[in-house]
Every structure is written in structure tokens, then in C-alpha cells.
């Protein structure tokens, strides 16, 4: 079901400061830069900044899946409590998340645009 790491999204309540810091650290500007999300491409993977993200929840790592609905159903049937339902974030990219047994958030992402180089 989980086909590999794809994305990590950091909460960024001060989006401008986080964007400037990661741009300097990575030596590159974001490829996607909107008030609701900033995305950097790093070695074929996504580093995201979410101004609405929860500092208490921390960063969320998203694992690639072929189908977000069936993957979420499988995780829930394995006993994982839901965190966020499947939602479309644009361009066919669909996300969801659960809590794993230790309480951390496990995200899943269905991204038809993702290709390993």
C-alpha cells in the first residue's frame, strides 16, 4: 500500500520567515509559492510549508499511495484513528492522514504527477 516517501510538510505560521529560511538553506526558490502553501523540490521530493499547519502536530510526512480512498480505508481497518479525511488539494493530488499507534500523524498522498528520477 505505501509506495515510498513523497512529501514532508512543516507548519509555518510565519510563512515569509520559513520561506526565506528554507530558500537560503536549500539554495533555491520555491517552485510553488502561494499564501496557502509553499513548495520546494528537493532531490525529487517535496518539502512543503503550510501556514495553517499545527505546531502541536508538527511536521507531517506523506507516503505515496496509488489510491487515497482505498489506502485510508485500509489504514482505518488496521485500527488507525482518523486525522484528516481524503481531500483534493488541486491538480489531482489527494491527501489524507491517520494517527499511528504512537500518536504521530501518518499522511498519505495520491499524486499522479510524482515521478522518481
C-alpha atoms as a PDB file:
ATOM      1  CA  UNK A   1       0.000   0.000   0.000  1.00  0.00           C
ATOM      2  CA  UNK A   2       2.698   2.564   0.965  1.00  0.00           C
ATOM      3  CA  UNK A   3       4.937   3.005  -2.079  1.00  0.00           C
ATOM      4  CA  UNK A   4       7.620   5.295  -0.662  1.00  0.00           C
ATOM      5  CA  UNK A   5       8.168   8.678   0.871  1.00  0.00           C
ATOM      6  CA  UNK A   6       6.916  11.636  -1.150  1.00  0.00           C
ATOM      7  CA  UNK A   7       6.417  14.816   0.859  1.00  0.00           C
ATOM      8  CA  UNK A   8       7.064  16.386   4.236  1.00  0.00           C
ATOM      9  CA  UNK A   9       5.005  19.414   5.236  1.00  0.00           C
ATOM     10  CA  UNK A  10       6.153  21.694   8.035  1.00  0.00           C
ATOM     11  CA  UNK A  11       3.760  24.009   9.851  1.00  0.00           C
ATOM     12  CA  UNK A  12       4.793  27.578   9.031  1.00  0.00           C
ATOM     13  CA  UNK A  13       2.771  30.154  10.987  1.00  0.00           C
ATOM     14  CA  UNK A  14       5.259  32.826   9.814  1.00  0.00           C
ATOM     15  CA  UNK A  15       5.256  31.723   6.189  1.00  0.00           C
ATOM     16  CA  UNK A  16       7.523  34.540   4.972  1.00  0.00           C
ATOM     17  CA  UNK A  17      10.219  33.739   7.546  1.00  0.00           C
ATOM     18  CA  UNK A  18      10.041  29.991   6.884  1.00  0.00           C
ATOM     19  CA  UNK A  19      10.127  30.511   3.113  1.00  0.00           C
ATOM     20  CA  UNK A  20      13.164  32.812   3.367  1.00  0.00           C
ATOM     21  CA  UNK A  21      14.979  30.398   5.683  1.00  0.00           C
ATOM     22  CA  UNK A  22      14.362  27.288   3.566  1.00  0.00           C
ATOM     23  CA  UNK A  23      15.244  29.208   0.373  1.00  0.00           C
ATOM     24  CA  UNK A  24      18.616  30.068   1.917  1.00  0.00           C
ATOM     25  CA  UNK A  25      19.232  26.590   3.345  1.00  0.00           C
ATOM     26  CA  UNK A  26      18.243  24.834   0.110  1.00  0.00           C
ATOM     27  CA  UNK A  27      19.875  27.414  -2.159  1.00  0.00           C
ATOM     28  CA  UNK A  28      16.743  27.583  -4.283  1.00  0.00           C
ATOM     29  CA  UNK A  29      13.465  29.441  -4.516  1.00  0.00           C
ATOM     30  CA  UNK A  30      10.206  27.522  -4.104  1.00  0.00           C
ATOM     31  CA  UNK A  31       8.654  26.143  -7.281  1.00  0.00           C
ATOM     32  CA  UNK A  32       5.168  26.772  -5.832  1.00  0.00           C
ATOM     33  CA  UNK A  33       4.551  29.932  -3.836  1.00  0.00           C
ATOM     34  CA  UNK A  34       1.054  30.855  -2.684  1.00  0.00           C
ATOM     35  CA  UNK A  35      -0.291  32.349   0.565  1.00  0.00           C
ATOM     36  CA  UNK A  36      -1.830  28.963   1.475  1.00  0.00           C
ATOM     37  CA  UNK A  37       1.216  26.742   0.693  1.00  0.00           C
ATOM     38  CA  UNK A  38       4.844  26.985  -0.387  1.00  0.00           C
ATOM     39  CA  UNK A  39       6.550  24.017  -2.032  1.00  0.00           C
ATOM     40  CA  UNK A  40      10.206  23.263  -2.733  1.00  0.00           C
ATOM     41  CA  UNK A  41      11.517  20.431  -4.911  1.00  0.00           C
ATOM     42  CA  UNK A  42      14.378  18.696  -3.099  1.00  0.00           C
ATOM     43  CA  UNK A  43      16.007  15.745  -4.835  1.00  0.00           C
ATOM     44  CA  UNK A  44      12.758  14.668  -6.474  1.00  0.00           C
ATOM     45  CA  UNK A  45      10.680  15.065  -3.321  1.00  0.00           C
ATOM     46  CA  UNK A  46       8.521  17.830  -1.887  1.00  0.00           C
ATOM     47  CA  UNK A  47       9.275  19.994   1.129  1.00  0.00           C
ATOM     48  CA  UNK A  48       6.126  21.959   1.906  1.00  0.00           C
ATOM     49  CA  UNK A  49       5.310  24.857   4.204  1.00  0.00           C
ATOM     50  CA  UNK A  50       1.753  25.172   5.488  1.00  0.00           C
ATOM     51  CA  UNK A  51       0.751  28.417   7.234  1.00  0.00           C
ATOM     52  CA  UNK A  52      -2.350  26.638   8.584  1.00  0.00           C
ATOM     53  CA  UNK A  53      -0.373  23.661   9.889  1.00  0.00           C
ATOM     54  CA  UNK A  54      -0.451  22.830  13.583  1.00  0.00           C
ATOM     55  CA  UNK A  55       2.758  23.403  15.538  1.00  0.00           C
ATOM     56  CA  UNK A  56       1.427  20.944  18.128  1.00  0.00           C
ATOM     57  CA  UNK A  57       1.039  18.224  15.472  1.00  0.00           C
ATOM     58  CA  UNK A  58       4.437  19.035  13.977  1.00  0.00           C
ATOM     59  CA  UNK A  59       5.596  18.114  10.507  1.00  0.00           C
ATOM     60  CA  UNK A  60       3.558  15.571   8.569  1.00  0.00           C
ATOM     61  CA  UNK A  61       5.268  13.045   6.328  1.00  0.00           C
ATOM     62  CA  UNK A  62       3.225  11.813   3.383  1.00  0.00           C
ATOM     63  CA  UNK A  63       3.710   8.340   1.932  1.00  0.00           C
ATOM     64  CA  UNK A  64       2.803   7.726  -1.696  1.00  0.00           C
ATOM     65  CA  UNK A  65      -0.232   5.574  -2.475  1.00  0.00           C
ATOM     66  CA  UNK A  66      -1.972   4.637  -5.715  1.00  0.00           C
ATOM     67  CA  UNK A  67      -5.453   5.378  -4.367  1.00  0.00           C
ATOM     68  CA  UNK A  68      -6.024   7.601  -1.329  1.00  0.00           C
ATOM     69  CA  UNK A  69      -9.536   6.308  -0.645  1.00  0.00           C
ATOM     70  CA  UNK A  70      -8.577   2.637  -0.512  1.00  0.00           C
ATOM     71  CA  UNK A  71      -5.329   3.331   1.363  1.00  0.00           C
ATOM     72  CA  UNK A  72      -7.184   5.355   4.001  1.00  0.00           C
ATOM     73  CA  UNK A  73      -9.790   2.604   4.349  1.00  0.00           C
ATOM     74  CA  UNK A  74      -7.022   0.040   4.808  1.00  0.00           C
ATOM     75  CA  UNK A  75      -5.281   2.133   7.488  1.00  0.00           C
ATOM     76  CA  UNK A  76      -8.561   2.699   9.329  1.00  0.00           C
ATOM     77  CA  UNK A  77      -9.421  -1.006   9.184  1.00  0.00           C
ATOM     78  CA  UNK A  78      -5.987  -1.719  10.694  1.00  0.00           C
ATOM     79  CA  UNK A  79      -7.087   0.337  13.718  1.00  0.00           C
ATOM     80  CA  UNK A  80      -5.559   3.738  12.980  1.00  0.00           C
ATOM     81  CA  UNK A  81      -7.682   6.634  14.264  1.00  0.00           C
ATOM     82  CA  UNK A  82      -8.537   9.133  11.502  1.00  0.00           C
ATOM     83  CA  UNK A  83      -6.824  12.519  11.465  1.00  0.00           C
ATOM     84  CA  UNK A  84      -7.975  14.123   8.185  1.00  0.00           C
ATOM     85  CA  UNK A  85     -10.289  12.701   5.505  1.00  0.00           C
ATOM     86  CA  UNK A  86      -9.294  12.387   1.856  1.00  0.00           C
ATOM     87  CA  UNK A  87      -9.264  15.828   0.266  1.00  0.00           C
ATOM     88  CA  UNK A  88      -8.299  17.114  -3.161  1.00  0.00           C
ATOM     89  CA  UNK A  89      -5.683  19.863  -2.938  1.00  0.00           C
ATOM     90  CA  UNK A  90      -5.631  20.560  -6.682  1.00  0.00           C
ATOM     91  CA  UNK A  91      -4.302  19.092  -9.909  1.00  0.00           C
ATOM     92  CA  UNK A  92      -5.476  15.595  -8.952  1.00  0.00           C
ATOM     93  CA  UNK A  93      -3.385  15.461  -5.781  1.00  0.00           C
ATOM     94  CA  UNK A  94      -5.290  13.884  -2.896  1.00  0.00           C
ATOM     95  CA  UNK A  95      -4.239  13.727   0.763  1.00  0.00           C
ATOM     96  CA  UNK A  96      -5.436  12.090   3.974  1.00  0.00           C
ATOM     97  CA  UNK A  97      -3.911  11.239   7.341  1.00  0.00           C
ATOM     98  CA  UNK A  98      -4.320   8.992  10.360  1.00  0.00           C
ATOM     99  CA  UNK A  99      -2.698   8.662  13.770  1.00  0.00           C
ATOM    100  CA  UNK A 100      -0.324   5.737  14.052  1.00  0.00           C
ATOM    101  CA  UNK A 101      -0.223   3.749  17.351  1.00  0.00           C
ATOM    102  CA  UNK A 102       2.363   6.074  18.896  1.00  0.00           C
ATOM    103  CA  UNK A 103       0.140   9.090  18.253  1.00  0.00           C
ATOM    104  CA  UNK A 104       2.142  10.617  15.402  1.00  0.00           C
ATOM    105  CA  UNK A 105       0.436  11.629  12.175  1.00  0.00           C
ATOM    106  CA  UNK A 106       0.950   9.399   9.133  1.00  0.00           C
ATOM    107  CA  UNK A 107      -0.026  11.094   5.883  1.00  0.00           C
ATOM    108  CA  UNK A 108      -0.821   9.513   2.541  1.00  0.00           C
ATOM    109  CA  UNK A 109      -0.672  11.228  -0.841  1.00  0.00           C
ATOM    110  CA  UNK A 110      -2.042  10.198  -4.217  1.00  0.00           C
ATOM    111  CA  UNK A 111      -0.079  12.302  -6.681  1.00  0.00           C
ATOM    112  CA  UNK A 112      -0.453  11.466 -10.376  1.00  0.00           C
ATOM    113  CA  UNK A 113       2.386  13.898 -11.203  1.00  0.00           C
ATOM    114  CA  UNK A 114       5.034  12.287  -8.994  1.00  0.00           C
ATOM    115  CA  UNK A 115       7.814  10.516 -10.882  1.00  0.00           C
ATOM    116  CA  UNK A 116      11.082   9.331  -9.374  1.00  0.00           C
ATOM    117  CA  UNK A 117      14.025  10.491 -11.465  1.00  0.00           C
END
